[in-house]
Every structure is written in structure tokens, then in C-alpha cells.
Amino acid sequence: MTAQWTFVLCDALAKVHPTRDPRPAAAETRFQAFLGEPASFQLAYRPPVGAGPLQVRVEGAAADLVAVSSVDLVPCSLLAFPEHDDGYEFDEPGQYPDVLRPIPSGETSVRPGEWSALWFDVTTTDSARAGSHDLTVVLSSPDGAELHRQPVTVELTRVELPPLDIVSSHWMHLDSLADHYGVDVFSEEHWTLVDRFMASAAEMGATSLLTPVWTPPLDTAVGSYRTVVQLVDITATDDGYRFGFDKLRRWLELCRRNGITGVEVAHLFTQWGAKATPGIVVGDQRVFGWDVEATDPQYRTLMEALLPALQAVLDEEWDREHVVFHISDEPSGEEGLASYLAAKAVVADLLKGWTLVDALSEHSFWTSGAVPLPVVATDHVEPFLAERPERLWVYYCVSQNKDVANRFIGMPSARNRAIGHQLFASGVDGFLHWGFNFWYTQYAVKRVDPFTETAAGGAFPSGDPFIVYPGTDGTPWPSLRHRVFAQAMWDHRALQAVRTAHGADVALDLIDPDRTLRFNRPVLDPDHYYQARQRMAAQLTLKSST
């Protein structure tokens, strides 16, 4: 029976497809991590016809540091747009690996005759537990008969890395949590979900989250509204407005507890042109929205009262240097610039002394002075790097589907991990992604089950709208892409530490000795990232021992 099973040890950048033989880990690959970082690997297996569930356990002195997940498949209707580049691993509709489903019982079902994989994370924050650990993964049938014993060595270094020194912004959608799990917004059940998914975002390397002071006017069909997730209570009075900030303070406390250092106030105007106001609720009625123009005097009156009160709370609770405001997302064209400037003029005087940040692609929006801190698409960033703003962030999303790094399910994991090296080499100040958990079709027209619909109803390449799944017990289940993006952020942190210890040139030599790395040239060779990490660890281990 044992001979009918096939097992292959794989690194964390492999994607194990049901009908393709998996890429084995190279003999020289070292499963290595820093304090607090998971050292991850996979064990692929193909069972014979008629095989039952698979039982897994780990032996060794560090077995208690190991968490095991099953790499589950999800249906992907759109993996890549027509005429895509050659940097995709999969481009045809089908079932593909993405969900990391925890298996605390140590048992998982199998698909006879098809490849599957188990994912292993080995983690410690205790320097006394660091070192080289020999583990053995033991796979058995339900009757206890051993099928395979796989020796694995992991290296957990004693080096503690500095915090990420750039902004890593991800937009967590609170309405997705309430809508998917069927709980009331800001009920205790909802707050528990917010806390758990915020922790998952931080685990992925997020340092900043969109804060729904009012329901963010994003990815919403014109004339429609998403579930209200407004953190600030607003009451109309004879003298103007009264505000309640209890829910905002609770949000900020969760940010503190989960290590989120950045606060992004939701956009003050609608997306793609800044023509209307957000759907702000006063009392229990929606008073602003698509039917109220951006320049309506009523909105200015509200902002004259709300923004100073909000800023007072933020000054009390947070470091202003880590707070940003948004005017409108992704303005474009001459008409877009005119409407953006008109909207900005409504609140510009009320935002003096605060940082304004917006995503855009057109260089003219920055040169015009409209956006002081631009967030530029990675496929449009070269002019900004040549004529560099004082501060610069980058982003990618659905449109960045050619020649640049991204994290679509159809792309190889190395294309996801590339962003850490690129952010460091370019010296930009931040990264932003819109889709941490957008479990809707395009424009939030209807809800989707992310386990069965990964492409927002066919609008975006599978994986673009979200990087985390809603576990059945109310806990976030990470994706392969979640884990790999985290590795990219750990790469950045390690390079920061090398730069501090040995200088910027030494750090760059580890990843880009020829100084040719660009956003439109992601390295797709998985071995590059493992070899670069070994060089980083060697430099930092040398430093820590001297």
C-alpha cells in the first residue's frame, strides 16, 4: 500500500496542482526564518484510488512549534486576461490551491489519484528555542499504518528584526465580515471578527488599515450603498451636530493591540472622480451620498464641525505622523482632475497639518500639486521615481496584470514575494492594496462566497479581491498568497537590518548586485528568494555574534 502513495517535499513558493507533478524543494534550500517569522514548507502527496483520510503528526523536540494546514483548492473562473504575459503559472479556469485550512485534529480528507499538499509553519518568538531543528513528518492511514516519514530541518535564527519601516496598507472591509457571518454591525460578535481579521492582517505584514470613520465610498455602484459601518455617531442638533467617538476609540484600541500603527481615514469623496459625498448617516438616516454633490454647502457645514472634532480625538489617541486622509481614490483625466480639485477645495483648509494620500496613475496629478503624497500603480511608477516626490507609495491591483509583481492565484508565488525586494530597492515609503477581504462582486452589487467565487463575479483575476478566507468558526483562514506576502515583508525587514548593520550597498548587493531590479522586472525564480534570504541571515548572524 505504501508504494502506491507518492510524497514530495516542496518549498513554500511551490503551488501544488492536482494534475501536475509538483516542483520539489531544491536540495540546497534551507527552511529558515527569523524570530517570530514562520519557517514554512509543504509536503505534497498523491494517494491511490480508494485511499481514506490522511493523518499527520510531527515528531522532534520542536514539534510543539509546528502548525499544520491543508492546502485546499478553490474554483477560479478568471485566472488571467487575454494576451497576458508569460509570468503566469496557470491561465485556464479550474480548481487551484489557495486556502490554508487548519487541521488541528491532524487529519485531512484526500483526493485519490490527485496531488494535494500539507502546509507547515514552524515559529517561535523565544530566542531560547531558536536554532536548527530536525523534525519528522509522519503520515499515516486511519488504522495507524505509517505511509511515509519525511525528515525536515528548519533553522530559526536568534535575530530579532526591526519593525517594518514603510507603510504596508491593506483595506479591510468591515461590511464583508458582518455580511458574510450574518452578524449585526458593531455587535460584540462583529467586534470579535474585526479583532481576529485585524490580527491576520498584521500577521501578513499590514501596518495600516482603512478606518471607516464613515462607510468608505469605495467599489460601490453609482446610486447604491454598502452595509453601513460608520464608526462615528452623528446627531443633528439645533446648534449643528454632536458626535460620538466611542466606536472609533474601540477601533483604535484594537489597532494598538494588534500592532497596527497607521490610521487611514476613509475617503472624503466618492471614487473615480470625487463627484459626490460618502453615504454618511446622521441619527438613523442617510443624509449624504450619491445624491449630494461634493461641493454641496451642507457637506462643508458637516465637515467644519466633524473634522476638527475627529482630529482632536486622533491627536489624543494617535501619533499624527501615522494618520493619513484620503480625498478620492484613483482620479484620472482632465475632468477627473478638475472634480478632484473642486472636492479637495471643500476641505483643504480643514486638513492643514495632516497628510493627504491618494492612489493615482497619472504623473500630472502630482506635478499639478493636487496630491502631495501619491500612491502610484507599479506599472506607472517610473516617472515618479525619476522625478521623485518627497514621499511616495505604490500599489497594484487588477490593472497591474502585466510585467509587474502581483498576487493573483494564477501567478507563481515568486511573483508575489518579489514585492518585498522591489520596495526596498526602490526606497519607496509605502505599499497599498485594496482587497484584503472584499467578498462581493464588482461594485459590491452582491455578496459572494469566497470559497466558491474568487474573481468578484468574473470582474477581476482570481485572488485580486481578497487574500484571506472566512473560516467556518469565525476565524480567518490565510491563503498561500497571504503567507507569501508576509515573507516579502519579512524580506524587507531583514534588508533594513542589514542596511543598519552594514550599509545600504551591502543590503542591495544581497538582492540586486547589478542594480537592475525594477518594478517591471520581478524575479520569478524561487531559488533567488531562498538564496537571498540565506545571505541576509548570514550577514545578520555574523553581526549578532560579533
Protein backbone atom coordinates (compact mmCIF):
# COMPACT_ATOMS: atom_id res chain seq x y z
CA MET A 1 0.00 0.00 0.00
CA THR A 2 2.82 2.41 0.87
CA ALA A 3 4.28 2.14 -2.64
CA GLN A 4 1.03 3.43 -4.11
CA TRP A 5 1.36 6.71 -2.32
CA THR A 6 3.72 9.39 -3.65
CA PHE A 7 5.24 12.13 -1.49
CA VAL A 8 7.32 15.17 -2.44
CA LEU A 9 8.86 17.76 -0.12
CA CYS A 10 8.21 21.27 -1.52
CA ASP A 11 9.22 24.76 -0.51
CA ALA A 12 6.71 27.47 0.37
CA LEU A 13 6.83 29.06 -3.08
CA ALA A 14 5.52 25.95 -4.85
CA LYS A 15 1.86 25.66 -5.89
CA VAL A 16 0.77 22.02 -5.86
CA HIS A 17 -1.76 21.49 -8.67
CA PRO A 18 -3.98 18.38 -8.64
CA THR A 19 -2.79 17.04 -12.02
CA ARG A 20 0.76 18.37 -12.32
CA ASP A 21 3.78 16.81 -10.67
CA PRO A 22 4.93 19.29 -8.01
CA ARG A 23 8.25 21.09 -8.10
CA PRO A 24 10.37 19.54 -5.33
CA ALA A 25 12.39 21.69 -2.99
CA ALA A 26 15.95 22.09 -4.18
CA ALA A 27 18.48 20.07 -2.21
CA GLU A 28 20.21 23.27 -1.06
CA THR A 29 17.01 25.03 0.03
CA ARG A 30 17.04 25.86 3.71
CA PHE A 31 13.74 26.38 5.52
CA GLN A 32 14.83 29.39 7.51
CA ALA A 33 13.13 32.12 9.49
CA PHE A 34 13.79 34.90 11.99
CA LEU A 35 12.32 35.23 15.47
CA GLY A 36 8.55 35.49 15.14
CA GLU A 37 8.53 34.50 11.46
CA PRO A 38 7.20 31.11 10.35
CA ALA A 39 9.65 28.81 8.62
CA SER A 40 7.29 27.26 6.08
CA PHE A 41 7.40 24.20 3.86
CA GLN A 42 4.96 21.87 2.13
CA LEU A 43 4.61 18.14 1.75
CA ALA A 44 2.82 17.15 -1.44
CA TYR A 45 1.13 13.77 -1.65
CA ARG A 46 -0.81 11.73 -4.20
CA PRO A 47 -2.94 8.91 -2.75
CA PRO A 48 -4.03 5.80 -4.57
CA VAL A 49 -7.60 5.17 -5.62
CA GLY A 50 -9.66 4.06 -2.64
CA ALA A 51 -7.47 5.78 -0.03
CA GLY A 52 -9.18 7.19 3.04
CA PRO A 53 -8.35 10.18 5.25
CA LEU A 54 -4.73 11.04 5.96
CA GLN A 55 -3.40 11.51 9.47
CA VAL A 56 -0.36 13.70 10.11
CA ARG A 57 1.81 14.26 13.13
CA VAL A 58 5.22 15.84 13.65
CA GLU A 59 7.99 14.36 15.76
CA GLY A 60 11.01 16.14 17.18
CA ALA A 61 11.99 18.45 20.02
CA ALA A 62 10.40 21.42 18.22
CA ALA A 63 7.17 19.62 17.28
CA ASP A 64 5.18 21.92 19.56
CA LEU A 65 6.26 24.90 17.40
CA VAL A 66 4.61 23.43 14.29
CA ALA A 67 1.16 24.34 12.92
CA VAL A 68 -0.26 22.22 10.10
CA SER A 69 -2.79 23.24 7.44
CA SER A 70 -4.30 21.56 4.42
CA VAL A 71 -3.81 23.41 1.13
CA ASP A 72 -7.33 23.40 -0.27
CA LEU A 73 -8.49 24.13 -3.80
CA VAL A 74 -10.79 26.96 -4.88
CA PRO A 75 -12.58 27.42 -8.21
CA CYS A 76 -11.08 30.10 -10.44
CA SER A 77 -13.14 31.32 -13.38
CA LEU A 78 -10.69 34.04 -14.46
CA LEU A 79 -7.01 33.48 -13.86
CA ALA A 80 -5.58 35.90 -16.42
CA PHE A 81 -6.80 38.36 -19.01
CA PRO A 82 -6.28 37.59 -22.71
CA GLU A 83 -2.82 38.44 -24.04
CA HIS A 84 -1.30 38.18 -20.58
CA ASP A 85 2.45 37.97 -20.15
CA ASP A 86 4.44 34.76 -19.69
CA GLY A 87 4.75 35.18 -15.94
CA TYR A 88 1.66 33.15 -15.00
CA GLU A 89 1.70 29.62 -13.66
CA PHE A 90 -1.94 28.90 -14.51
CA ASP A 91 -4.22 30.60 -17.03
CA GLU A 92 -7.15 28.26 -17.62
CA PRO A 93 -10.31 28.08 -15.46
CA GLY A 94 -10.31 25.28 -12.92
CA GLN A 95 -9.57 24.33 -9.33
CA TYR A 96 -6.34 25.72 -7.88
CA PRO A 97 -4.56 25.66 -4.49
CA ASP A 98 -5.01 28.71 -2.26
CA VAL A 99 -6.80 28.17 1.09
CA LEU A 100 -4.72 27.14 4.09
CA ARG A 101 -7.29 25.29 6.20
CA PRO A 102 -6.08 24.50 9.73
CA ILE A 103 -6.25 20.83 10.70
CA PRO A 104 -5.74 20.86 14.48
CA SER A 105 -7.06 17.28 14.65
CA GLY A 106 -4.18 16.15 12.45
CA GLU A 107 -6.50 14.54 9.93
CA THR A 108 -7.49 15.65 6.44
CA SER A 109 -9.51 14.16 3.62
CA VAL A 110 -7.75 13.17 0.37
CA ARG A 111 -8.47 13.24 -3.35
CA PRO A 112 -7.45 9.82 -4.68
CA GLY A 113 -5.26 9.98 -7.75
CA GLU A 114 -4.65 13.74 -7.43
CA TRP A 115 -1.88 15.78 -5.88
CA SER A 116 -2.61 17.66 -2.67
CA ALA A 117 -0.37 19.36 -0.13
CA LEU A 118 0.04 19.99 3.58
CA TRP A 119 1.50 23.29 4.75
CA PHE A 120 3.73 23.52 7.81
CA ASP A 121 4.61 26.66 9.78
CA VAL A 122 7.36 26.44 12.42
CA THR A 123 7.51 29.56 14.59
CA THR A 124 8.99 30.84 17.82
CA THR A 125 9.46 34.22 19.44
CA ASP A 126 11.67 32.72 22.17
CA SER A 127 15.37 33.06 21.39
CA ALA A 128 16.00 30.08 23.68
CA ARG A 129 14.05 27.92 21.21
CA ALA A 130 15.95 29.19 18.19
CA GLY A 131 18.46 27.07 16.35
CA SER A 132 18.50 24.22 13.86
CA HIS A 133 15.67 21.75 14.45
CA ASP A 134 15.33 18.26 12.98
CA LEU A 135 11.69 17.34 12.52
CA THR A 136 9.98 14.27 11.10
CA VAL A 137 6.58 14.49 9.46
CA VAL A 138 4.77 11.18 9.89
CA LEU A 139 1.81 10.37 7.64
CA SER A 140 -0.50 7.50 8.48
CA SER A 141 -3.71 5.86 7.36
CA PRO A 142 -6.75 5.88 9.71
CA ASP A 143 -5.81 2.42 11.05
CA GLY A 144 -2.44 3.79 12.19
CA ALA A 145 -0.33 2.21 9.48
CA GLU A 146 2.56 4.50 8.59
CA LEU A 147 2.65 5.61 4.97
CA HIS A 148 5.64 7.95 4.97
CA ARG A 149 8.23 9.56 7.22
CA GLN A 150 9.68 12.83 5.92
CA PRO A 151 12.71 14.33 7.68
CA VAL A 152 12.88 18.13 7.54
CA THR A 153 15.37 20.56 9.05
CA VAL A 154 14.29 24.09 9.88
CA GLU A 155 16.52 26.91 11.04
CA LEU A 156 15.06 29.50 13.38
CA THR A 157 17.64 32.23 13.85
CA ARG A 158 18.02 34.22 17.05
CA VAL A 159 17.92 37.51 15.14
CA GLU A 160 15.03 39.79 16.05
CA LEU A 161 14.25 42.08 13.14
CA PRO A 162 13.21 45.74 13.38
CA PRO A 163 9.61 46.71 12.63
CA LEU A 164 8.75 47.38 9.01
CA ASP A 165 9.86 50.94 8.28
CA ILE A 166 7.47 51.53 5.39
CA VAL A 167 3.69 51.69 5.37
CA SER A 168 2.01 48.43 4.39
CA SER A 169 -1.60 49.42 3.88
CA HIS A 170 -4.44 46.97 3.31
CA TRP A 171 -8.12 47.78 3.16
CA MET A 172 -10.08 45.55 5.49
CA HIS A 173 -13.80 45.71 4.71
CA LEU A 174 -15.86 45.60 7.88
CA ASP A 175 -19.09 45.15 5.95
CA SER A 176 -17.72 41.94 4.42
CA LEU A 177 -17.28 40.50 7.89
CA ALA A 178 -20.79 41.43 9.03
CA ASP A 179 -22.45 40.39 5.78
CA HIS A 180 -20.68 37.05 5.42
CA TYR A 181 -21.12 35.93 9.01
CA GLY A 182 -24.63 37.36 9.35
CA VAL A 183 -23.97 39.46 12.45
CA ASP A 184 -25.10 42.95 13.32
CA VAL A 185 -22.57 45.68 12.60
CA PHE A 186 -20.63 46.58 15.75
CA SER A 187 -22.29 43.87 17.80
CA GLU A 188 -19.93 42.02 20.11
CA GLU A 189 -19.79 39.22 17.54
CA HIS A 190 -18.76 41.72 14.88
CA TRP A 191 -16.08 43.28 17.06
CA THR A 192 -14.66 39.79 17.70
CA LEU A 193 -14.44 39.21 13.95
CA VAL A 194 -12.83 42.61 13.42
CA ASP A 195 -10.21 41.80 16.06
CA ARG A 196 -9.39 38.40 14.57
CA PHE A 197 -9.13 39.60 10.99
CA MET A 198 -7.12 42.63 12.04
CA ALA A 199 -4.66 40.26 13.71
CA SER A 200 -4.49 38.27 10.47
CA ALA A 201 -3.74 41.43 8.51
CA ALA A 202 -0.93 42.28 10.92
CA GLU A 203 0.40 38.73 10.63
CA MET A 204 0.56 39.25 6.87
CA GLY A 205 2.66 42.38 7.33
CA ALA A 206 0.00 45.08 7.32
CA THR A 207 0.88 48.17 9.33
CA SER A 208 -2.04 50.39 8.27
CA LEU A 209 -5.76 49.79 7.79
CA LEU A 210 -8.54 51.87 6.27
CA THR A 211 -10.54 53.31 9.16
CA PRO A 212 -14.29 53.60 8.39
CA VAL A 213 -14.96 56.86 10.21
CA TRP A 214 -17.85 56.85 7.74
CA THR A 215 -18.67 53.98 5.38
CA PRO A 216 -15.90 54.10 2.76
CA PRO A 217 -17.25 55.25 -0.64
CA LEU A 218 -15.26 52.59 -2.48
CA ASP A 219 -16.08 49.91 -5.04
CA THR A 220 -19.75 50.81 -4.89
CA ALA A 221 -22.10 51.04 -7.87
CA VAL A 222 -23.30 54.59 -8.52
CA GLY A 223 -26.58 55.13 -6.71
CA SER A 224 -26.18 52.13 -4.41
CA TYR A 225 -24.82 51.76 -0.89
CA ARG A 226 -22.95 49.13 1.04
CA THR A 227 -23.77 48.00 4.57
CA VAL A 228 -23.21 50.93 6.93
CA VAL A 229 -20.04 50.54 9.02
CA GLN A 230 -19.71 54.13 10.24
CA LEU A 231 -17.57 54.37 13.37
CA VAL A 232 -18.61 57.92 14.31
CA ASP A 233 -22.09 58.58 15.66
CA ILE A 234 -23.51 61.86 14.31
CA THR A 235 -26.55 63.60 15.73
CA ALA A 236 -28.15 66.74 14.33
CA THR A 237 -28.94 69.39 16.93
CA ASP A 238 -30.45 72.85 16.87
CA ASP A 239 -26.93 74.24 17.02
CA GLY A 240 -25.37 71.94 14.41
CA TYR A 241 -24.00 68.47 15.14
CA ARG A 242 -22.99 66.32 18.09
CA PHE A 243 -20.51 63.44 17.68
CA GLY A 244 -19.86 60.18 19.48
CA PHE A 245 -16.43 58.61 19.12
CA ASP A 246 -16.71 55.54 21.35
CA LYS A 247 -16.64 53.07 18.45
CA LEU A 248 -13.71 54.88 16.86
CA ARG A 249 -11.77 54.70 20.12
CA ARG A 250 -12.52 50.98 20.33
CA TRP A 251 -11.24 50.54 16.77
CA LEU A 252 -8.04 52.40 17.63
CA GLU A 253 -7.54 50.25 20.69
CA LEU A 254 -7.80 47.12 18.54
CA CYS A 255 -5.23 48.62 16.19
CA ARG A 256 -2.88 49.23 19.09
CA ARG A 257 -3.36 45.73 20.45
CA ASN A 258 -2.70 44.12 17.08
CA GLY A 259 0.35 46.19 16.20
CA ILE A 260 -1.32 48.32 13.52
CA THR A 261 0.50 51.66 13.56
CA GLY A 262 -1.17 53.50 10.68
CA VAL A 263 -4.64 55.02 10.56
CA GLU A 264 -6.18 55.85 7.18
CA VAL A 265 -9.31 57.94 7.43
CA ALA A 266 -11.86 56.79 4.83
CA HIS A 267 -12.12 58.81 1.64
CA LEU A 268 -13.94 62.12 1.94
CA PHE A 269 -15.49 61.83 -1.54
CA THR A 270 -16.60 59.12 -3.94
CA GLN A 271 -14.22 57.06 -6.06
CA TRP A 272 -13.16 57.74 -9.67
CA GLY A 273 -13.82 61.47 -9.84
CA ALA A 274 -14.75 62.80 -6.40
CA LYS A 275 -18.15 63.94 -7.67
CA ALA A 276 -20.31 63.04 -4.67
CA THR A 277 -20.21 62.64 -0.91
CA PRO A 278 -19.96 59.40 1.11
CA GLY A 279 -23.15 57.79 2.39
CA ILE A 280 -22.89 59.39 5.82
CA VAL A 281 -25.59 58.61 8.37
CA VAL A 282 -26.88 61.28 10.73
CA GLY A 283 -29.01 59.85 13.50
CA ASP A 284 -30.55 56.84 11.84
CA GLN A 285 -30.93 58.37 8.39
CA ARG A 286 -28.58 58.59 5.45
CA VAL A 287 -28.18 62.32 4.81
CA PHE A 288 -25.29 62.34 2.33
CA GLY A 289 -24.37 60.11 -0.58
CA TRP A 290 -24.58 59.87 -4.36
CA ASP A 291 -27.43 62.39 -4.40
CA VAL A 292 -25.34 65.08 -2.67
CA GLU A 293 -22.65 66.72 -4.77
CA ALA A 294 -19.12 67.01 -3.44
CA THR A 295 -19.36 70.80 -3.35
CA ASP A 296 -22.75 70.95 -1.63
CA PRO A 297 -22.66 73.58 1.17
CA GLN A 298 -24.36 71.13 3.55
CA TYR A 299 -21.35 68.84 3.34
CA ARG A 300 -18.97 71.67 4.04
CA THR A 301 -21.05 72.55 7.10
CA LEU A 302 -20.77 68.98 8.38
CA MET A 303 -17.03 68.84 7.73
CA GLU A 304 -16.47 72.16 9.51
CA ALA A 305 -17.84 70.51 12.63
CA LEU A 306 -16.74 66.89 12.18
CA LEU A 307 -13.14 67.16 11.00
CA PRO A 308 -11.87 69.30 13.91
CA ALA A 309 -13.63 67.02 16.39
CA LEU A 310 -12.23 63.93 14.68
CA GLN A 311 -8.74 65.39 14.58
CA ALA A 312 -8.89 66.18 18.29
CA VAL A 313 -9.65 62.52 19.03
CA LEU A 314 -6.87 61.36 16.71
CA ASP A 315 -4.39 63.74 18.33
CA GLU A 316 -5.39 62.37 21.71
CA GLU A 317 -5.22 58.71 20.68
CA TRP A 318 -2.59 58.51 17.95
CA ASP A 319 0.63 59.91 16.56
CA ARG A 320 -0.37 62.37 13.84
CA GLU A 321 2.62 61.27 11.78
CA HIS A 322 0.89 57.93 11.30
CA VAL A 323 -2.51 59.28 10.26
CA VAL A 324 -3.46 59.96 6.66
CA PHE A 325 -6.56 61.38 4.99
CA HIS A 326 -7.86 60.50 1.54
CA ILE A 327 -9.78 62.80 -0.80
CA SER A 328 -10.81 60.36 -3.56
CA ASP A 329 -9.48 57.10 -4.96
CA GLU A 330 -7.99 56.80 -8.47
CA PRO A 331 -8.87 60.13 -10.12
CA SER A 332 -7.89 60.35 -13.80
CA GLY A 333 -8.15 62.60 -16.86
CA GLU A 334 -8.66 66.33 -17.14
CA GLU A 335 -12.26 66.11 -15.96
CA GLY A 336 -11.19 63.93 -13.05
CA LEU A 337 -8.51 66.42 -12.06
CA ALA A 338 -10.99 69.30 -12.13
CA SER A 339 -13.55 67.48 -9.99
CA TYR A 340 -10.82 66.23 -7.64
CA LEU A 341 -9.52 69.77 -7.10
CA ALA A 342 -13.05 71.09 -6.58
CA ALA A 343 -13.73 68.44 -3.93
CA LYS A 344 -10.37 68.96 -2.28
CA ALA A 345 -11.08 72.69 -2.01
CA VAL A 346 -14.13 71.90 0.14
CA VAL A 347 -11.94 70.51 2.93
CA ALA A 348 -8.37 71.67 2.20
CA ASP A 349 -8.30 74.32 4.93
CA LEU A 350 -9.67 71.80 7.44
CA LEU A 351 -6.82 69.35 6.71
CA LYS A 352 -3.85 71.68 7.09
CA GLY A 353 -1.12 69.98 9.07
CA TRP A 354 -2.39 66.50 8.15
CA THR A 355 -1.06 64.15 5.48
CA LEU A 356 -3.11 63.71 2.30
CA VAL A 357 -2.62 60.48 0.34
CA ASP A 358 -4.39 59.19 -2.77
CA ALA A 359 -3.94 56.43 -5.32
CA LEU A 360 -3.37 57.60 -8.88
CA SER A 361 -1.56 56.70 -12.07
CA GLU A 362 -1.14 60.00 -13.92
CA HIS A 363 2.07 61.90 -13.28
CA SER A 364 0.29 65.21 -13.94
CA PHE A 365 -1.80 64.80 -10.79
CA TRP A 366 1.36 65.04 -8.73
CA THR A 367 3.13 67.72 -10.77
CA SER A 368 -0.03 69.85 -10.56
CA GLY A 369 0.20 69.72 -6.76
CA ALA A 370 -3.19 68.04 -6.47
CA VAL A 371 -1.87 65.05 -4.50
CA PRO A 372 1.09 65.77 -2.21
CA LEU A 373 1.71 62.09 -1.35
CA PRO A 374 0.83 59.94 -4.36
CA VAL A 375 0.19 56.20 -4.29
CA VAL A 376 1.23 55.16 -7.77
CA ALA A 377 0.44 51.99 -9.69
CA THR A 378 3.59 49.90 -10.05
CA ASP A 379 3.27 49.87 -13.84
CA HIS A 380 3.20 53.69 -13.93
CA VAL A 381 5.77 54.50 -11.27
CA GLU A 382 8.94 55.05 -13.31
CA PRO A 383 8.30 58.79 -14.00
CA PHE A 384 7.70 59.29 -10.27
CA LEU A 385 10.96 57.54 -9.42
CA ALA A 386 12.80 59.72 -11.93
CA GLU A 387 11.26 62.95 -10.63
CA ARG A 388 10.75 61.79 -7.12
CA PRO A 389 8.19 63.19 -4.66
CA GLU A 390 9.42 63.69 -1.12
CA ARG A 391 7.25 60.72 -0.11
CA LEU A 392 5.95 58.03 -2.44
CA TRP A 393 3.82 54.92 -2.05
CA VAL A 394 2.98 52.32 -4.69
CA TYR A 395 0.09 49.93 -5.23
CA TYR A 396 -1.04 47.14 -7.50
CA CYS A 397 -4.50 45.74 -8.20
CA VAL A 398 -6.46 44.32 -11.12
CA SER A 399 -4.87 46.55 -13.76
CA GLN A 400 -1.31 45.63 -12.82
CA ASN A 401 -1.56 42.29 -14.59
CA LYS A 402 1.43 42.54 -16.94
CA ASP A 403 5.16 42.69 -16.27
CA VAL A 404 4.92 43.64 -12.58
CA ALA A 405 4.59 41.79 -9.29
CA ASN A 406 1.11 40.85 -8.12
CA ARG A 407 -0.65 38.16 -6.13
CA PHE A 408 -3.30 36.64 -8.40
CA ILE A 409 -3.93 32.94 -7.83
CA GLY A 410 -2.77 32.20 -11.37
CA MET A 411 0.64 33.75 -10.77
CA PRO A 412 3.61 31.86 -9.30
CA SER A 413 4.27 32.62 -5.66
CA ALA A 414 7.65 34.12 -6.53
CA ARG A 415 5.81 36.93 -8.35
CA ASN A 416 4.03 37.69 -5.08
CA ARG A 417 7.18 37.58 -2.97
CA ALA A 418 9.02 39.88 -5.38
CA ILE A 419 7.38 43.00 -3.96
CA GLY A 420 9.49 42.95 -0.79
CA HIS A 421 12.76 43.20 -2.70
CA GLN A 422 11.30 45.79 -5.07
CA LEU A 423 10.01 48.06 -2.30
CA PHE A 424 13.39 48.02 -0.58
CA ALA A 425 15.46 48.53 -3.73
CA SER A 426 13.30 51.45 -4.90
CA GLY A 427 13.29 53.11 -1.49
CA VAL A 428 9.59 53.96 -1.61
CA ASP A 429 7.74 54.81 1.58
CA GLY A 430 4.70 52.57 1.37
CA PHE A 431 2.60 49.95 -0.35
CA LEU A 432 -1.20 49.77 -0.63
CA HIS A 433 -3.68 47.10 -1.68
CA TRP A 434 -7.44 47.50 -1.79
CA GLY A 435 -8.54 43.89 -1.34
CA PHE A 436 -7.82 42.24 1.98
CA ASN A 437 -11.33 40.73 2.26
CA PHE A 438 -13.64 42.07 -0.47
CA TRP A 439 -16.17 39.23 -0.64
CA TYR A 440 -18.51 40.78 -3.20
CA THR A 441 -18.95 41.04 -6.94
CA GLN A 442 -17.59 44.15 -8.66
CA TYR A 443 -19.08 47.38 -7.27
CA ALA A 444 -20.35 45.37 -4.27
CA VAL A 445 -23.56 44.56 -6.16
CA LYS A 446 -23.99 41.26 -4.32
CA ARG A 447 -22.22 39.06 -1.80
CA VAL A 448 -20.16 36.06 -2.82
CA ASP A 449 -18.88 33.00 -1.01
CA PRO A 450 -15.09 33.37 -1.42
CA PHE A 451 -14.69 29.59 -1.23
CA THR A 452 -16.67 29.27 -4.47
CA GLU A 453 -16.15 32.65 -6.19
CA THR A 454 -12.65 34.11 -6.27
CA ALA A 455 -12.95 36.61 -9.15
CA ALA A 456 -15.65 39.02 -7.91
CA GLY A 457 -18.16 37.55 -10.34
CA GLY A 458 -15.65 37.43 -13.19
CA ALA A 459 -14.53 41.06 -12.98
CA PHE A 460 -11.02 40.60 -11.57
CA PRO A 461 -8.40 37.86 -11.85
CA SER A 462 -8.99 35.27 -9.15
CA GLY A 463 -7.39 36.34 -5.89
CA ASP A 464 -7.33 40.07 -6.55
CA PRO A 465 -10.37 40.90 -4.36
CA PHE A 466 -9.14 39.13 -1.22
CA ILE A 467 -6.21 37.37 0.35
CA VAL A 468 -7.91 35.85 3.40
CA TYR A 469 -10.87 33.49 3.76
CA PRO A 470 -13.69 33.47 6.35
CA GLY A 471 -13.18 30.32 8.38
CA THR A 472 -16.29 28.44 9.41
CA ASP A 473 -15.67 29.08 13.10
CA GLY A 474 -15.30 32.86 12.71
CA THR A 475 -11.53 32.79 12.39
CA PRO A 476 -9.55 33.94 9.34
CA TRP A 477 -8.03 31.25 7.20
CA PRO A 478 -4.97 32.54 5.34
CA SER A 479 -4.22 31.84 1.73
CA LEU A 480 -0.96 30.75 0.18
CA ARG A 481 -0.74 34.34 -1.04
CA HIS A 482 -1.21 35.71 2.49
CA ARG A 483 1.72 33.66 3.75
CA VAL A 484 3.97 34.57 0.80
CA PHE A 485 3.20 38.29 1.03
CA ALA A 486 4.19 38.07 4.71
CA GLN A 487 7.50 36.55 3.62
CA ALA A 488 8.02 39.54 1.31
CA MET A 489 7.56 41.92 4.24
CA TRP A 490 9.97 39.86 6.36
CA ASP A 491 12.47 40.14 3.49
CA HIS A 492 12.13 43.93 3.67
CA ARG A 493 12.65 43.93 7.43
CA ALA A 494 15.74 41.73 7.10
CA LEU A 495 17.16 44.07 4.47
CA GLN A 496 16.51 47.01 6.81
CA ALA A 497 18.53 45.23 9.50
CA VAL A 498 21.39 44.54 7.07
CA ARG A 499 21.36 48.18 5.98
CA THR A 500 21.61 49.32 9.60
CA ALA A 501 24.42 46.89 10.38
CA HIS A 502 26.46 47.07 7.19
CA GLY A 503 25.16 49.88 4.99
CA ALA A 504 22.71 50.25 2.11
CA ASP A 505 25.11 49.00 -0.56
CA VAL A 506 25.69 45.73 1.26
CA ALA A 507 21.95 45.24 1.64
CA LEU A 508 21.33 45.91 -2.05
CA ASP A 509 24.17 43.60 -3.05
CA LEU A 510 22.25 40.73 -1.44
CA ILE A 511 19.27 41.10 -3.78
CA ASP A 512 20.37 43.29 -6.69
CA PRO A 513 24.15 43.27 -7.21
CA ASP A 514 23.82 44.63 -10.75
CA ARG A 515 21.36 47.36 -9.70
CA THR A 516 18.91 46.29 -12.40
CA LEU A 517 15.89 45.50 -10.20
CA ARG A 518 12.79 47.42 -11.29
CA PHE A 519 9.07 47.16 -10.60
CA ASN A 520 8.55 45.87 -14.14
CA ARG A 521 11.20 43.17 -13.71
CA PRO A 522 10.09 40.87 -10.90
CA VAL A 523 12.39 37.90 -10.41
CA LEU A 524 10.35 34.71 -10.91
CA ASP A 525 12.99 32.17 -9.87
CA PRO A 526 12.01 30.79 -6.44
CA ASP A 527 15.61 29.89 -5.63
CA HIS A 528 16.53 33.58 -5.86
CA TYR A 529 14.47 34.32 -2.75
CA TYR A 530 15.80 31.40 -0.74
CA GLN A 531 19.39 32.20 -1.65
CA ALA A 532 18.90 35.90 -0.91
CA ARG A 533 17.37 35.06 2.46
CA GLN A 534 20.33 32.85 3.33
CA ARG A 535 22.66 35.74 2.53
CA MET A 536 20.60 38.09 4.72
CA ALA A 537 20.62 35.63 7.61
CA ALA A 538 24.37 35.11 7.24
CA GLN A 539 25.02 38.86 7.42
CA LEU A 540 22.77 39.30 10.45
CA THR A 541 24.01 36.23 12.26
CA LEU A 542 27.55 37.47 11.73
CA LYS A 543 26.57 40.84 13.18
CA SER A 544 24.80 39.33 16.20
CA SER A 545 27.80 37.15 17.06
CA THR A 546 30.38 39.95 16.93
